[in-house]
C-alpha cells in the first residue's frame, strides 16, 4: 500500500514509519524542512515538503495514497487554539479529498478528553465540553466518515507516550522540576493519568489502518500512573525533594499540560484489544523505569 503520514519525523511517527516500511508499504511523509528528514530519505521514504497549512498538498497526497495516517499537531501550548484550528482545516481538507473512496484515514486525539473520571471509562463516555471545543472538533469531523465514504478512525492517545528516551509531557515536567529543585506532584498525588509504550502506540496505527471499521474510535492506552509515582521517579533520578502543588499552580507553571497532568482521567482499551487484536506490551512499571533512566 501507498501510505501518506503526517508527523512522520516525530517521537511516535518515526516508529510508525519504521513499521510501515518493515511491512513493505510505500511511505510518503509530510515534512516542513527536508534537511531535517535525511534519515527518512535514507530509508526510502518519499518527502512531501509543506506544513499542516498546506491544504492543497495534504489533499493531493491523501488522494494519491491508499491510506492516510495523521499524527502531526502543532505542540505550541501558548497558541493552542490556533493549533486546533490548523488541525481542523487539515482534517477537513483530507476528508474532502478522500470522499467516496472508502480509504482508511486515521487521526490522533487524546484520551484525556474525557475529563475528570472516577475510574476507567470506555469510548462511549462523553468528552468534556472543553475538549469538544478544542481537539474534539476534529473528532466530530471524523464521525461523518460514513456519510463521506471515508473509512475514518480516531485513536485517542494517553498524555504519557513513553520510550527509553522519555516522553513528551514528562520531559516538560522533568525540566520544570530540575529548574526549581523540587519533584512536583499534584494535590494528594493520587490522580491517575494514562501511559503507553511508544512501540505499542505505533502498532495500533497499523492495526487501525488495516482493520478499523468506518467511524471508529479507540482508546490507545491501558496502564495508568499517579502523579506522585512520577514525582518519586524524578526525585530518585535527580535527588530532589518531593513537593505538592495545587492544580491551579500546575496550570500556572506548565500551562495546558499542567491541567492534564493533575487531573484524574482514566480510560479502558478493551475495545481496541478486542476489535483490533491490539496487545500492548508496556506497563506502568516500565514507564517509571524509562522515566528514571531517560536523559533530558
Protein backbone atom coordinates (compact mmCIF):
# COMPACT_ATOMS: atom_id res chain seq x y z
CA UNK A 1 0.00 0.00 0.00
CA UNK A 2 0.95 3.62 -0.50
CA UNK A 3 0.63 5.36 2.87
CA UNK A 4 0.72 9.12 3.50
CA UNK A 5 1.91 10.05 7.01
CA UNK A 6 1.89 13.42 8.76
CA UNK A 7 4.12 13.73 11.81
CA UNK A 8 6.45 11.03 10.49
CA UNK A 9 9.57 12.67 11.93
CA UNK A 10 8.16 12.78 15.46
CA UNK A 11 8.59 10.60 18.52
CA UNK A 12 5.63 8.37 17.62
CA UNK A 13 5.50 8.95 13.87
CA UNK A 14 9.07 7.79 13.27
CA UNK A 15 8.19 4.42 14.85
CA UNK A 16 5.04 4.20 12.73
CA UNK A 17 7.09 4.84 9.58
CA UNK A 18 9.56 2.10 10.52
CA UNK A 19 6.73 -0.41 10.98
CA UNK A 20 5.16 0.59 7.67
CA UNK A 21 8.45 0.10 5.85
CA UNK A 22 9.02 -3.24 7.57
CA UNK A 23 5.60 -4.31 6.25
CA UNK A 24 6.68 -3.33 2.70
CA UNK A 25 4.42 -0.31 2.39
CA UNK A 26 5.47 2.68 0.29
CA UNK A 27 5.57 5.71 2.59
CA UNK A 28 5.32 9.43 1.91
CA UNK A 29 5.82 11.81 4.85
CA UNK A 30 4.83 15.44 5.22
CA UNK A 31 7.96 17.38 6.27
CA UNK A 32 8.46 21.09 6.88
CA UNK A 33 12.23 21.02 6.46
CA UNK A 34 13.68 18.32 4.18
CA UNK A 35 17.17 18.95 5.60
CA UNK A 36 15.91 17.52 8.91
CA UNK A 37 14.42 14.45 7.25
CA UNK A 38 17.56 12.94 5.75
CA UNK A 39 17.11 9.81 7.85
CA UNK A 40 13.69 9.25 6.28
CA UNK A 41 15.05 9.63 2.76
CA UNK A 42 17.82 7.20 3.61
CA UNK A 43 15.16 4.61 4.43
CA UNK A 44 13.42 5.12 1.09
CA UNK A 45 10.65 7.40 2.35
CA UNK A 46 9.24 9.95 -0.11
CA UNK A 47 9.03 13.52 1.18
CA UNK A 48 6.16 15.95 0.67
CA UNK A 49 7.53 19.35 1.68
CA UNK A 50 4.96 21.53 3.40
CA UNK A 51 3.05 22.00 6.65
CA UNK A 52 -0.42 21.45 8.07
CA UNK A 53 -1.33 24.78 6.49
CA UNK A 54 -0.52 23.36 3.02
CA UNK A 55 -4.08 22.22 2.42
CA UNK A 56 -3.78 21.52 -1.32
CA UNK A 57 -0.65 19.45 -0.71
CA UNK A 58 -2.37 17.46 2.05
CA UNK A 59 -5.36 16.80 -0.19
CA UNK A 60 -3.23 15.72 -3.15
CA UNK A 61 -1.05 13.38 -1.10
CA UNK A 62 -4.04 11.79 0.64
CA UNK A 63 -5.87 11.36 -2.67
CA UNK A 64 -2.86 9.62 -4.23
CA UNK A 65 -2.33 7.28 -1.26
CA UNK A 66 -4.15 4.11 -0.28
CA UNK A 67 -4.24 5.16 3.38
CA UNK A 68 -3.53 8.30 5.41
CA UNK A 69 -2.21 8.37 8.98
CA UNK A 70 -2.39 11.82 10.60
CA UNK A 71 -0.09 12.19 13.62
CA UNK A 72 1.08 15.78 13.24
CA UNK A 73 -0.01 18.51 15.65
CA UNK A 74 1.50 21.90 16.45
CA UNK A 75 2.51 21.43 20.09
CA UNK A 76 2.71 25.12 20.93
CA UNK A 77 0.55 25.35 24.04
CA UNK A 78 0.90 29.13 24.11
CA UNK A 79 -1.19 29.19 20.92
CA UNK A 80 -3.24 26.06 21.50
CA UNK A 81 -6.48 27.25 19.90
CA UNK A 82 -4.62 28.32 16.78
CA UNK A 83 -3.05 24.85 16.61
CA UNK A 84 -6.53 23.31 16.92
CA UNK A 85 -7.88 25.50 14.10
CA UNK A 86 -4.97 24.42 11.89
CA UNK A 87 -5.66 20.75 12.59
CA UNK A 88 -9.38 21.07 11.89
CA UNK A 89 -8.69 22.65 8.49
CA UNK A 90 -6.14 19.92 7.68
CA UNK A 91 -8.53 17.10 8.63
CA UNK A 92 -11.34 18.72 6.65
CA UNK A 93 -9.12 19.05 3.56
CA UNK A 94 -8.10 15.39 3.72
CA UNK A 95 -11.67 14.21 4.27
CA UNK A 96 -12.84 16.15 1.24
CA UNK A 97 -10.01 14.70 -0.86
CA UNK A 98 -10.88 11.14 0.19
CA UNK A 99 -14.63 11.46 -0.28
CA UNK A 100 -16.20 8.36 -1.79
CA UNK A 101 -13.02 6.29 -1.95
CA UNK A 102 -13.56 4.21 1.22
CA UNK A 103 -9.86 4.62 2.04
CA UNK A 104 -8.55 4.39 5.64
CA UNK A 105 -7.95 7.74 7.34
CA UNK A 106 -6.62 7.52 10.90
CA UNK A 107 -6.16 10.61 13.08
CA UNK A 108 -4.73 11.25 16.52
CA UNK A 109 -6.64 12.54 19.53
CA UNK A 110 -6.27 12.38 23.32
CA UNK A 111 -7.68 10.07 25.98
CA UNK A 112 -7.72 12.94 28.48
CA UNK A 113 -10.58 14.46 26.51
CA UNK A 114 -12.97 12.53 28.75
CA UNK A 115 -12.01 14.96 31.50
CA UNK A 116 -12.19 14.08 35.18
CA UNK A 117 -13.24 10.47 35.86
CA UNK A 118 -13.70 8.38 38.99
CA UNK A 119 -12.35 5.25 37.28
CA UNK A 120 -11.67 3.81 33.81
CA UNK A 121 -14.28 4.70 31.16
CA UNK A 122 -14.73 3.45 27.61
CA UNK A 123 -15.18 5.23 24.27
CA UNK A 124 -18.92 5.80 24.87
CA UNK A 125 -18.16 8.18 27.74
CA UNK A 126 -18.90 11.80 26.74
CA UNK A 127 -15.95 14.07 26.15
CA UNK A 128 -15.56 17.17 28.30
CA UNK A 129 -17.07 20.41 26.94
CA UNK A 130 -13.61 21.99 26.83
CA UNK A 131 -12.28 19.13 24.71
CA UNK A 132 -15.31 19.35 22.46
CA UNK A 133 -14.30 22.90 21.57
CA UNK A 134 -10.64 22.01 21.02
CA UNK A 135 -9.26 18.72 19.72
CA UNK A 136 -12.74 17.24 19.82
CA UNK A 137 -13.61 19.35 16.78
CA UNK A 138 -11.50 17.10 14.56
CA UNK A 139 -13.14 14.04 16.11
CA UNK A 140 -16.53 15.48 15.24
CA UNK A 141 -15.49 15.79 11.60
CA UNK A 142 -14.30 12.18 11.56
CA UNK A 143 -17.67 10.92 12.77
CA UNK A 144 -19.07 11.97 9.39
CA UNK A 145 -16.87 9.38 7.67
CA UNK A 146 -19.70 7.04 6.76
CA UNK A 147 -21.58 9.90 5.07
CA UNK A 148 -18.49 10.86 3.09
CA UNK A 149 -17.43 7.36 2.10
CA UNK A 150 -14.17 7.50 4.07
CA UNK A 151 -13.04 4.76 6.48
CA UNK A 152 -12.33 7.10 9.36
CA UNK A 153 -10.75 6.10 12.67
CA UNK A 154 -9.75 8.16 15.72
CA UNK A 155 -7.02 6.93 18.06
CA UNK A 156 -7.09 8.53 21.50
CA UNK A 157 -3.56 8.54 22.87
CA UNK A 158 -2.59 8.99 26.53
CA UNK A 159 -0.77 12.07 27.87
CA UNK A 160 2.29 9.91 28.57
CA UNK A 161 3.54 8.08 25.48
CA UNK A 162 6.96 6.91 26.60
CA UNK A 163 10.10 5.14 25.48
CA UNK A 164 13.64 4.71 26.67
CA UNK A 165 14.27 8.29 25.56
CA UNK A 166 11.47 9.67 27.74
CA UNK A 167 8.02 11.07 27.00
CA UNK A 168 6.83 14.49 25.89
CA UNK A 169 4.74 15.55 28.89
CA UNK A 170 7.10 14.00 31.41
CA UNK A 171 10.07 15.81 29.82
CA UNK A 172 8.22 19.09 30.29
CA UNK A 173 7.57 18.24 33.95
CA UNK A 174 11.12 16.97 34.47
CA UNK A 175 12.62 20.17 33.08
CA UNK A 176 10.47 22.28 35.41
CA UNK A 177 11.36 20.08 38.43
CA UNK A 178 15.09 20.44 37.74
CA UNK A 179 14.64 24.17 37.24
CA UNK A 180 13.04 24.74 40.65
CA UNK A 181 14.86 21.96 42.51
CA UNK A 182 11.75 20.02 43.55
CA UNK A 183 9.99 16.88 42.29
CA UNK A 184 6.43 18.07 41.81
CA UNK A 185 3.21 16.16 42.23
CA UNK A 186 -0.32 17.49 42.30
CA UNK A 187 -2.54 17.89 45.36
CA UNK A 188 -2.60 14.49 47.15
CA UNK A 189 -0.66 12.87 44.32
CA UNK A 190 -3.35 10.22 43.79
CA UNK A 191 -4.68 11.49 40.45
CA UNK A 192 -4.06 8.88 37.76
CA UNK A 193 -3.04 9.57 34.16
CA UNK A 194 -2.73 7.07 31.33
CA UNK A 195 0.58 5.90 29.83
CA UNK A 196 1.53 3.66 26.90
CA UNK A 197 4.83 2.45 25.44
CA UNK A 198 5.62 4.19 22.16
CA UNK A 199 6.15 0.94 20.24
CA UNK A 200 2.69 -0.25 21.32
CA UNK A 201 1.24 3.03 20.05
CA UNK A 202 2.99 2.63 16.70
CA UNK A 203 1.49 -0.85 16.30
CA UNK A 204 -2.07 0.31 16.82
CA UNK A 205 -1.81 2.77 13.91
CA UNK A 206 -1.12 -0.09 11.52
CA UNK A 207 -3.84 -2.24 13.07
CA UNK A 208 -6.34 0.60 12.75
CA UNK A 209 -5.30 1.21 9.14
CA UNK A 210 -5.92 -2.45 8.29
CA UNK A 211 -8.89 -3.36 10.48
CA UNK A 212 -10.79 -0.40 11.92
CA UNK A 213 -14.37 -0.01 10.63
CA UNK A 214 -15.67 3.34 9.44
CA UNK A 215 -16.37 5.90 12.14
CA UNK A 216 -14.46 4.01 14.83
CA UNK A 217 -12.86 5.48 17.95
CA UNK A 218 -10.35 3.65 20.13
CA UNK A 219 -8.61 4.39 23.41
CA UNK A 220 -4.99 3.53 22.67
CA UNK A 221 -3.90 3.17 26.28
CA UNK A 222 -4.26 0.64 29.07
CA UNK A 223 -1.98 1.50 32.03
CA UNK A 224 -2.03 4.41 34.44
CA UNK A 225 0.26 6.05 36.99
CA UNK A 226 -0.27 8.58 39.77
CA UNK A 227 1.34 11.99 39.72
CA UNK A 228 3.17 11.09 42.94
CA UNK A 229 4.69 7.95 41.35
CA UNK A 230 6.05 10.13 38.55
CA UNK A 231 7.41 12.63 41.07
CA UNK A 232 9.07 9.85 43.07
CA UNK A 233 10.81 8.56 39.93
CA UNK A 234 12.11 12.06 39.17
CA UNK A 235 13.12 12.55 42.80
CA UNK A 236 15.24 9.38 42.72
CA UNK A 237 16.79 10.29 39.38
CA UNK A 238 17.77 13.86 40.29
CA UNK A 239 17.92 13.56 44.09
CA UNK A 240 15.19 16.13 44.57
CA UNK A 241 12.78 16.61 47.47
CA UNK A 242 9.11 15.88 46.80
CA UNK A 243 6.73 18.84 46.76
CA UNK A 244 2.97 19.05 46.25
CA UNK A 245 1.35 21.90 44.31
CA UNK A 246 -2.29 22.65 43.55
CA UNK A 247 -3.93 22.15 40.17
CA UNK A 248 -4.04 25.92 39.72
CA UNK A 249 -0.31 26.17 40.43
CA UNK A 250 0.30 23.35 37.94
CA UNK A 251 -1.58 25.27 35.24
CA UNK A 252 0.33 28.46 36.06
CA UNK A 253 3.69 26.65 35.90
CA UNK A 254 3.08 24.29 32.98
CA UNK A 255 0.13 25.72 31.07
CA UNK A 256 -2.39 23.36 29.48
CA UNK A 257 -0.23 20.24 30.13
CA UNK A 258 -0.38 21.08 33.84
CA UNK A 259 -4.14 20.61 33.81
CA UNK A 260 -3.82 17.24 32.06
CA UNK A 261 -1.12 16.03 34.45
CA UNK A 262 -3.04 17.00 37.59
CA UNK A 263 -6.43 15.54 36.58
CA UNK A 264 -7.61 12.02 37.38
CA UNK A 265 -8.52 10.77 33.90
CA UNK A 266 -8.70 7.02 33.26
CA UNK A 267 -9.91 5.06 30.24
CA UNK A 268 -10.02 1.42 29.18
CA UNK A 269 -8.61 -0.09 25.98
CA UNK A 270 -10.78 -3.23 25.98
CA UNK A 271 -12.43 -2.23 22.69
CA UNK A 272 -9.08 -1.83 20.86
CA UNK A 273 -7.79 -5.08 22.30
CA UNK A 274 -10.88 -7.00 21.14
CA UNK A 275 -11.61 -5.38 17.77
CA UNK A 276 -8.06 -4.67 16.58
CA UNK A 277 -6.28 -7.53 18.39
CA UNK A 278 -4.03 -4.90 19.97
CA UNK A 279 -1.82 -6.41 22.65
CA UNK A 280 0.27 -3.69 24.34
CA UNK A 281 3.43 -4.97 26.00
CA UNK A 282 4.40 -1.94 28.09
CA UNK A 283 3.40 -1.34 31.70
CA UNK A 284 3.25 1.46 34.24
CA UNK A 285 6.31 -0.09 35.91
CA UNK A 286 8.23 0.09 32.63
CA UNK A 287 7.16 3.73 32.20
CA UNK A 288 8.58 4.65 35.60
CA UNK A 289 11.80 2.75 34.80
CA UNK A 290 12.12 4.63 31.50
CA UNK A 291 11.45 7.90 33.27
CA UNK A 292 14.18 7.18 35.80
CA UNK A 293 16.71 6.26 33.08
CA UNK A 294 15.91 8.69 30.25
CA UNK A 295 18.14 11.67 29.57
CA UNK A 296 16.62 15.14 29.35
